[in-house]
Amino acid sequence: MELPKNIQHQLAQFQQLQQQAQAISMQKQTVEMQIQETQKALDELKKTDDEAEVFKTAGNLLIKVKKDEINSELEEKAETLQLREKTITRQEERVMKKLQEMQASLQEAMQGAGMNPGMGN
């Protein structure tokens, strides 16, 4: 039994949205990891003596920097990443809500077409 065109179209949209949700989830994981790394660097920096030599990477180079400058840079980076995480979380919530709505709509359409969704039809 072939699916009606409108249901095929809805299924295609649903699958695209699932892929989008997966991509958003991966972005969120990446940003969360960057936040953790940045926070760890800030924590380690706090443990160092004010006179200690501090270096940062720039490509394949290590460059000597002032502790207070790199501290400010890392704090700004952490703040930017946290804002990015909030944005991604909101985006993720919207997509998940839309997925739930589409799933309910698809189930309703399939039942209306005399199919039993989730039963391999």
C-alpha atoms as a PDB file:
ATOM      1  CA  MET A   1       0.000   0.000   0.000  1.00  0.00           C
ATOM      2  CA  GLU A   2       1.549   3.268  -1.127  1.00  0.00           C
ATOM      3  CA  LEU A   3       1.420   6.320   1.094  1.00  0.00           C
ATOM      4  CA  PRO A   4      -0.626   9.282  -0.119  1.00  0.00           C
ATOM      5  CA  LYS A   5       1.463  12.180  -1.485  1.00  0.00           C
ATOM      6  CA  ASN A   6       0.596  14.511   1.401  1.00  0.00           C
ATOM      7  CA  ILE A   7       1.787  11.938   3.949  1.00  0.00           C
ATOM      8  CA  GLN A   8       4.970  11.293   1.938  1.00  0.00           C
ATOM      9  CA  HIS A   9       5.608  15.044   1.970  1.00  0.00           C
ATOM     10  CA  GLN A  10       4.998  15.275   5.724  1.00  0.00           C
ATOM     11  CA  LEU A  11       7.327  12.313   6.332  1.00  0.00           C
ATOM     12  CA  ALA A  12      10.068  13.970   4.282  1.00  0.00           C
ATOM     13  CA  GLN A  13       9.687  17.186   6.304  1.00  0.00           C
ATOM     14  CA  PHE A  14       9.713  15.182   9.531  1.00  0.00           C
ATOM     15  CA  GLN A  15      12.944  13.435   8.537  1.00  0.00           C
ATOM     16  CA  GLN A  16      14.567  16.770   7.625  1.00  0.00           C
ATOM     17  CA  LEU A  17      13.577  18.158  11.007  1.00  0.00           C
ATOM     18  CA  GLN A  18      15.024  15.065  12.723  1.00  0.00           C
ATOM     19  CA  GLN A  19      18.321  15.664  10.921  1.00  0.00           C
ATOM     20  CA  GLN A  20      18.226  19.317  11.966  1.00  0.00           C
ATOM     21  CA  ALA A  21      17.609  18.274  15.588  1.00  0.00           C
ATOM     22  CA  GLN A  22      20.577  15.922  15.420  1.00  0.00           C
ATOM     23  CA  ALA A  23      22.834  18.673  14.012  1.00  0.00           C
ATOM     24  CA  ILE A  24      21.706  21.076  16.750  1.00  0.00           C
ATOM     25  CA  SER A  25      22.428  18.440  19.383  1.00  0.00           C
ATOM     26  CA  MET A  26      25.951  17.987  18.019  1.00  0.00           C
ATOM     27  CA  GLN A  27      26.515  21.756  18.016  1.00  0.00           C
ATOM     28  CA  LYS A  28      25.363  21.916  21.616  1.00  0.00           C
ATOM     29  CA  GLN A  29      27.756  19.140  22.642  1.00  0.00           C
ATOM     30  CA  THR A  30      30.643  20.934  20.925  1.00  0.00           C
ATOM     31  CA  VAL A  31      29.860  24.220  22.671  1.00  0.00           C
ATOM     32  CA  GLU A  32      29.470  22.479  26.046  1.00  0.00           C
ATOM     33  CA  MET A  33      32.883  20.874  25.572  1.00  0.00           C
ATOM     34  CA  GLN A  34      34.418  24.252  24.688  1.00  0.00           C
ATOM     35  CA  ILE A  35      32.859  25.788  27.810  1.00  0.00           C
ATOM     36  CA  GLN A  36      34.361  23.019  29.967  1.00  0.00           C
ATOM     37  CA  GLU A  37      37.798  23.451  28.385  1.00  0.00           C
ATOM     38  CA  THR A  38      37.685  27.223  28.793  1.00  0.00           C
ATOM     39  CA  GLN A  39      36.554  26.916  32.412  1.00  0.00           C
ATOM     40  CA  LYS A  40      39.322  24.422  33.132  1.00  0.00           C
ATOM     41  CA  ALA A  41      41.881  26.818  31.648  1.00  0.00           C
ATOM     42  CA  LEU A  42      40.515  29.644  33.819  1.00  0.00           C
ATOM     43  CA  ASP A  43      40.653  27.438  36.919  1.00  0.00           C
ATOM     44  CA  GLU A  44      44.265  26.465  36.193  1.00  0.00           C
ATOM     45  CA  LEU A  45      45.161  30.093  35.531  1.00  0.00           C
ATOM     46  CA  LYS A  46      43.800  31.076  38.956  1.00  0.00           C
ATOM     47  CA  LYS A  47      46.115  28.535  40.573  1.00  0.00           C
ATOM     48  CA  THR A  48      49.224  30.034  38.995  1.00  0.00           C
ATOM     49  CA  ASP A  49      51.381  32.653  40.620  1.00  0.00           C
ATOM     50  CA  ASP A  50      50.939  36.202  39.278  1.00  0.00           C
ATOM     51  CA  GLU A  51      54.586  36.202  38.175  1.00  0.00           C
ATOM     52  CA  ALA A  52      54.387  32.831  36.413  1.00  0.00           C
ATOM     53  CA  GLU A  53      55.016  32.729  32.681  1.00  0.00           C
ATOM     54  CA  VAL A  54      51.821  32.059  30.767  1.00  0.00           C
ATOM     55  CA  PHE A  55      51.583  30.994  27.127  1.00  0.00           C
ATOM     56  CA  LYS A  56      48.739  30.611  24.679  1.00  0.00           C
ATOM     57  CA  THR A  57      48.597  28.715  21.430  1.00  0.00           C
ATOM     58  CA  ALA A  58      48.339  30.456  18.088  1.00  0.00           C
ATOM     59  CA  GLY A  59      48.324  27.815  15.400  1.00  0.00           C
ATOM     60  CA  ASN A  60      51.557  25.870  15.827  1.00  0.00           C
ATOM     61  CA  LEU A  61      53.093  28.525  18.059  1.00  0.00           C
ATOM     62  CA  LEU A  62      53.138  29.165  21.785  1.00  0.00           C
ATOM     63  CA  ILE A  63      53.084  32.868  22.560  1.00  0.00           C
ATOM     64  CA  LYS A  64      53.974  34.362  25.921  1.00  0.00           C
ATOM     65  CA  VAL A  65      51.116  36.504  27.263  1.00  0.00           C
ATOM     66  CA  LYS A  66      50.354  38.461  30.397  1.00  0.00           C
ATOM     67  CA  LYS A  67      48.254  36.519  32.888  1.00  0.00           C
ATOM     68  CA  ASP A  68      45.618  39.238  33.275  1.00  0.00           C
ATOM     69  CA  GLU A  69      45.250  39.605  29.499  1.00  0.00           C
ATOM     70  CA  ILE A  70      44.708  35.903  28.881  1.00  0.00           C
ATOM     71  CA  ASN A  71      42.395  35.738  31.905  1.00  0.00           C
ATOM     72  CA  SER A  72      40.217  38.492  30.415  1.00  0.00           C
ATOM     73  CA  GLU A  73      40.310  36.803  27.021  1.00  0.00           C
ATOM     74  CA  LEU A  74      39.243  33.458  28.484  1.00  0.00           C
ATOM     75  CA  GLU A  75      36.457  35.009  30.562  1.00  0.00           C
ATOM     76  CA  GLU A  76      35.115  36.762  27.474  1.00  0.00           C
ATOM     77  CA  LYS A  77      35.323  33.512  25.505  1.00  0.00           C
ATOM     78  CA  ALA A  78      33.444  31.646  28.266  1.00  0.00           C
ATOM     79  CA  GLU A  79      30.740  34.312  28.312  1.00  0.00           C
ATOM     80  CA  THR A  80      30.339  34.176  24.524  1.00  0.00           C
ATOM     81  CA  LEU A  81      30.155  30.373  24.596  1.00  0.00           C
ATOM     82  CA  GLN A  82      27.520  30.431  27.348  1.00  0.00           C
ATOM     83  CA  LEU A  83      25.382  32.802  25.286  1.00  0.00           C
ATOM     84  CA  ARG A  84      25.825  30.500  22.289  1.00  0.00           C
ATOM     85  CA  GLU A  85      24.775  27.534  24.427  1.00  0.00           C
ATOM     86  CA  LYS A  86      21.592  29.332  25.518  1.00  0.00           C
ATOM     87  CA  THR A  87      20.762  30.167  21.902  1.00  0.00           C
ATOM     88  CA  ILE A  88      21.322  26.570  20.804  1.00  0.00           C
ATOM     89  CA  THR A  89      19.213  25.277  23.711  1.00  0.00           C
ATOM     90  CA  ARG A  90      16.301  27.521  22.695  1.00  0.00           C
ATOM     91  CA  GLN A  91      16.685  26.396  19.091  1.00  0.00           C
ATOM     92  CA  GLU A  92      16.762  22.764  20.219  1.00  0.00           C
ATOM     93  CA  GLU A  93      13.583  23.233  22.275  1.00  0.00           C
ATOM     94  CA  ARG A  94      11.751  24.792  19.308  1.00  0.00           C
ATOM     95  CA  VAL A  95      12.786  21.988  16.965  1.00  0.00           C
ATOM     96  CA  MET A  96      11.822  19.269  19.461  1.00  0.00           C
ATOM     97  CA  LYS A  97       8.411  20.883  19.965  1.00  0.00           C
ATOM     98  CA  LYS A  98       7.914  21.066  16.203  1.00  0.00           C
ATOM     99  CA  LEU A  99       8.954  17.403  15.889  1.00  0.00           C
ATOM    100  CA  GLN A 100       6.350  16.373  18.466  1.00  0.00           C
ATOM    101  CA  GLU A 101       3.675  18.380  16.673  1.00  0.00           C
ATOM    102  CA  MET A 102       4.625  16.873  13.307  1.00  0.00           C
ATOM    103  CA  GLN A 103       4.666  13.364  14.757  1.00  0.00           C
ATOM    104  CA  ALA A 104       1.157  13.797  16.140  1.00  0.00           C
ATOM    105  CA  SER A 105      -0.010  15.248  12.819  1.00  0.00           C
ATOM    106  CA  LEU A 106       1.548  12.370  10.881  1.00  0.00           C
ATOM    107  CA  GLN A 107      -0.029   9.756  13.137  1.00  0.00           C
ATOM    108  CA  GLU A 108      -3.392  11.423  12.718  1.00  0.00           C
ATOM    109  CA  ALA A 109      -3.000  11.605   8.919  1.00  0.00           C
ATOM    110  CA  MET A 110      -1.930   7.974   8.702  1.00  0.00           C
ATOM    111  CA  GLN A 111      -4.833   6.814  10.856  1.00  0.00           C
ATOM    112  CA  GLY A 112      -7.154   8.890   8.695  1.00  0.00           C
ATOM    113  CA  ALA A 113      -5.729   7.117   5.638  1.00  0.00           C
ATOM    114  CA  GLY A 114      -6.489   3.765   7.232  1.00  0.00           C
ATOM    115  CA  MET A 115      -2.905   2.981   8.206  1.00  0.00           C
ATOM    116  CA  ASN A 116      -1.559   2.002  11.574  1.00  0.00           C
ATOM    117  CA  PRO A 117       1.583   4.118  12.256  1.00  0.00           C
ATOM    118  CA  GLY A 118       4.404   2.355  13.999  1.00  0.00           C
ATOM    119  CA  MET A 119       3.214  -1.081  12.902  1.00  0.00           C
ATOM    120  CA  GLY A 120       5.436  -1.372   9.823  1.00  0.00           C
ATOM    121  CA  ASN A 121       2.822  -0.171   7.291  1.00  0.00           C
END
